[in-house]
């Protein structure tokens, strides 16, 4: 099981994602150790959660597994969807306003 998940997540040498489909992109500029890429418009699947700063790691994991379940067939159509990489995670800090009374 771990081997399947490992391949699914794309572990391996930099830039290698084994059997996962790679979203098309154009390299705009190369830097030491990374590329600046441009991705054309495409459909993405997303999930969201509200968390505290100290719980980001657990939330990232739970959101990933929620999406993994969806593409593995836990969806209304019960259909499997091929995973495309990259998998992107972003954090948005919300302004909660003045909390004083």
C-alpha atoms as a PDB file:
ATOM      1  CA  UNK A   1       0.000   0.000   0.000  1.00  0.00           C
ATOM      2  CA  UNK A   2       2.740   2.468   0.947  1.00  0.00           C
ATOM      3  CA  UNK A   3       4.472   1.824  -2.388  1.00  0.00           C
ATOM      4  CA  UNK A   4       1.275   2.732  -4.273  1.00  0.00           C
ATOM      5  CA  UNK A   5       0.826   5.923  -2.259  1.00  0.00           C
ATOM      6  CA  UNK A   6       4.520   6.725  -2.675  1.00  0.00           C
ATOM      7  CA  UNK A   7       4.236   6.410  -6.468  1.00  0.00           C
ATOM      8  CA  UNK A   8       0.916   8.268  -6.430  1.00  0.00           C
ATOM      9  CA  UNK A   9       2.507  11.205  -4.638  1.00  0.00           C
ATOM     10  CA  UNK A  10       5.404  11.276  -7.089  1.00  0.00           C
ATOM     11  CA  UNK A  11       8.289  10.576  -4.726  1.00  0.00           C
ATOM     12  CA  UNK A  12      11.539  10.098  -6.567  1.00  0.00           C
ATOM     13  CA  UNK A  13      14.192  12.181  -8.235  1.00  0.00           C
ATOM     14  CA  UNK A  14      13.292  15.890  -8.709  1.00  0.00           C
ATOM     15  CA  UNK A  15      10.864  16.329 -11.580  1.00  0.00           C
ATOM     16  CA  UNK A  16       9.903  12.636 -11.648  1.00  0.00           C
ATOM     17  CA  UNK A  17       6.315  11.690 -10.894  1.00  0.00           C
ATOM     18  CA  UNK A  18       6.307   8.073 -12.072  1.00  0.00           C
ATOM     19  CA  UNK A  19       2.881   7.101 -13.426  1.00  0.00           C
ATOM     20  CA  UNK A  20       1.072  10.385 -12.718  1.00  0.00           C
ATOM     21  CA  UNK A  21      -0.106  12.610 -15.533  1.00  0.00           C
ATOM     22  CA  UNK A  22       1.674  15.962 -15.495  1.00  0.00           C
ATOM     23  CA  UNK A  23      -0.293  19.148 -16.125  1.00  0.00           C
ATOM     24  CA  UNK A  24       1.141  20.872 -19.210  1.00  0.00           C
ATOM     25  CA  UNK A  25       3.388  23.846 -18.551  1.00  0.00           C
ATOM     26  CA  UNK A  26       5.994  26.104 -20.137  1.00  0.00           C
ATOM     27  CA  UNK A  27       9.267  26.852 -18.363  1.00  0.00           C
ATOM     28  CA  UNK A  28       9.551  30.640 -18.258  1.00  0.00           C
ATOM     29  CA  UNK A  29      12.947  30.782 -16.541  1.00  0.00           C
ATOM     30  CA  UNK A  30      15.305  28.328 -14.878  1.00  0.00           C
ATOM     31  CA  UNK A  31      16.952  29.060 -11.550  1.00  0.00           C
ATOM     32  CA  UNK A  32      19.380  27.090  -9.410  1.00  0.00           C
ATOM     33  CA  UNK A  33      17.240  24.185  -8.148  1.00  0.00           C
ATOM     34  CA  UNK A  34      13.826  25.232  -9.516  1.00  0.00           C
ATOM     35  CA  UNK A  35      11.926  26.455 -12.562  1.00  0.00           C
ATOM     36  CA  UNK A  36       9.458  29.307 -12.963  1.00  0.00           C
ATOM     37  CA  UNK A  37       6.544  27.667 -14.814  1.00  0.00           C
ATOM     38  CA  UNK A  38       3.423  28.916 -16.532  1.00  0.00           C
ATOM     39  CA  UNK A  39       0.378  26.641 -16.590  1.00  0.00           C
ATOM     40  CA  UNK A  40      -2.434  27.217 -19.119  1.00  0.00           C
ATOM     41  CA  UNK A  41      -6.017  27.618 -17.914  1.00  0.00           C
ATOM     42  CA  UNK A  42      -7.406  24.267 -16.755  1.00  0.00           C
ATOM     43  CA  UNK A  43      -9.832  22.732 -14.297  1.00  0.00           C
ATOM     44  CA  UNK A  44      -8.623  22.049 -10.757  1.00  0.00           C
ATOM     45  CA  UNK A  45     -10.264  20.299  -7.824  1.00  0.00           C
ATOM     46  CA  UNK A  46      -9.999  21.980  -4.452  1.00  0.00           C
ATOM     47  CA  UNK A  47     -10.974  21.575  -0.841  1.00  0.00           C
ATOM     48  CA  UNK A  48     -10.747  23.987   2.058  1.00  0.00           C
ATOM     49  CA  UNK A  49     -10.535  23.919   5.818  1.00  0.00           C
ATOM     50  CA  UNK A  50     -10.278  26.420   8.629  1.00  0.00           C
ATOM     51  CA  UNK A  51      -7.365  25.793  10.950  1.00  0.00           C
ATOM     52  CA  UNK A  52      -5.058  27.389  13.464  1.00  0.00           C
ATOM     53  CA  UNK A  53      -1.438  28.121  12.620  1.00  0.00           C
ATOM     54  CA  UNK A  54      -0.249  25.252  14.834  1.00  0.00           C
ATOM     55  CA  UNK A  55      -2.403  22.661  13.053  1.00  0.00           C
ATOM     56  CA  UNK A  56      -1.453  23.289   9.394  1.00  0.00           C
ATOM     57  CA  UNK A  57       0.361  19.963   8.956  1.00  0.00           C
ATOM     58  CA  UNK A  58      -2.630  17.898  10.132  1.00  0.00           C
ATOM     59  CA  UNK A  59      -5.027  19.962   8.024  1.00  0.00           C
ATOM     60  CA  UNK A  60      -2.863  19.604   4.900  1.00  0.00           C
ATOM     61  CA  UNK A  61      -2.900  15.841   5.364  1.00  0.00           C
ATOM     62  CA  UNK A  62      -6.659  15.614   5.938  1.00  0.00           C
ATOM     63  CA  UNK A  63      -7.410  17.811   2.913  1.00  0.00           C
ATOM     64  CA  UNK A  64      -5.079  15.735   0.692  1.00  0.00           C
ATOM     65  CA  UNK A  65      -6.728  12.459   1.761  1.00  0.00           C
ATOM     66  CA  UNK A  66     -10.177  13.959   1.171  1.00  0.00           C
ATOM     67  CA  UNK A  67      -9.188  14.750  -2.435  1.00  0.00           C
ATOM     68  CA  UNK A  68      -7.438  11.382  -2.787  1.00  0.00           C
ATOM     69  CA  UNK A  69     -10.696   9.656  -1.788  1.00  0.00           C
ATOM     70  CA  UNK A  70     -12.632  11.736  -4.318  1.00  0.00           C
ATOM     71  CA  UNK A  71     -10.384  10.818  -7.243  1.00  0.00           C
ATOM     72  CA  UNK A  72     -10.271   7.199  -6.035  1.00  0.00           C
ATOM     73  CA  UNK A  73     -14.032   6.834  -6.581  1.00  0.00           C
ATOM     74  CA  UNK A  74     -15.595   8.276  -3.429  1.00  0.00           C
ATOM     75  CA  UNK A  75     -17.715  10.704  -5.444  1.00  0.00           C
ATOM     76  CA  UNK A  76     -21.338  10.908  -6.650  1.00  0.00           C
ATOM     77  CA  UNK A  77     -20.558   9.070  -9.901  1.00  0.00           C
ATOM     78  CA  UNK A  78     -18.363   6.509  -8.090  1.00  0.00           C
ATOM     79  CA  UNK A  79     -15.815   7.030 -10.863  1.00  0.00           C
ATOM     80  CA  UNK A  80     -12.038   7.063 -10.563  1.00  0.00           C
ATOM     81  CA  UNK A  81     -10.190  10.083 -11.897  1.00  0.00           C
ATOM     82  CA  UNK A  82      -6.505  10.040 -12.825  1.00  0.00           C
ATOM     83  CA  UNK A  83      -4.368  12.195 -10.593  1.00  0.00           C
ATOM     84  CA  UNK A  84      -2.507  14.997 -12.298  1.00  0.00           C
ATOM     85  CA  UNK A  85       0.491  16.650 -10.740  1.00  0.00           C
ATOM     86  CA  UNK A  86       1.414  19.065  -9.326  1.00  0.00           C
ATOM     87  CA  UNK A  87      -0.688  18.955  -6.196  1.00  0.00           C
ATOM     88  CA  UNK A  88      -0.767  22.477  -4.842  1.00  0.00           C
ATOM     89  CA  UNK A  89      -1.393  23.630  -1.299  1.00  0.00           C
ATOM     90  CA  UNK A  90      -2.018  27.221  -0.355  1.00  0.00           C
ATOM     91  CA  UNK A  91      -2.776  28.946   2.904  1.00  0.00           C
ATOM     92  CA  UNK A  92      -4.830  32.090   3.223  1.00  0.00           C
ATOM     93  CA  UNK A  93      -4.653  34.090   6.412  1.00  0.00           C
ATOM     94  CA  UNK A  94      -8.065  35.527   7.132  1.00  0.00           C
ATOM     95  CA  UNK A  95      -8.434  38.804   8.954  1.00  0.00           C
ATOM     96  CA  UNK A  96     -10.611  37.916  11.946  1.00  0.00           C
ATOM     97  CA  UNK A  97     -10.979  41.551  12.948  1.00  0.00           C
ATOM     98  CA  UNK A  98     -10.678  42.998  16.388  1.00  0.00           C
ATOM     99  CA  UNK A  99     -11.235  40.257  18.954  1.00  0.00           C
ATOM    100  CA  UNK A 100     -11.325  42.580  21.967  1.00  0.00           C
ATOM    101  CA  UNK A 101     -14.519  43.472  23.794  1.00  0.00           C
END
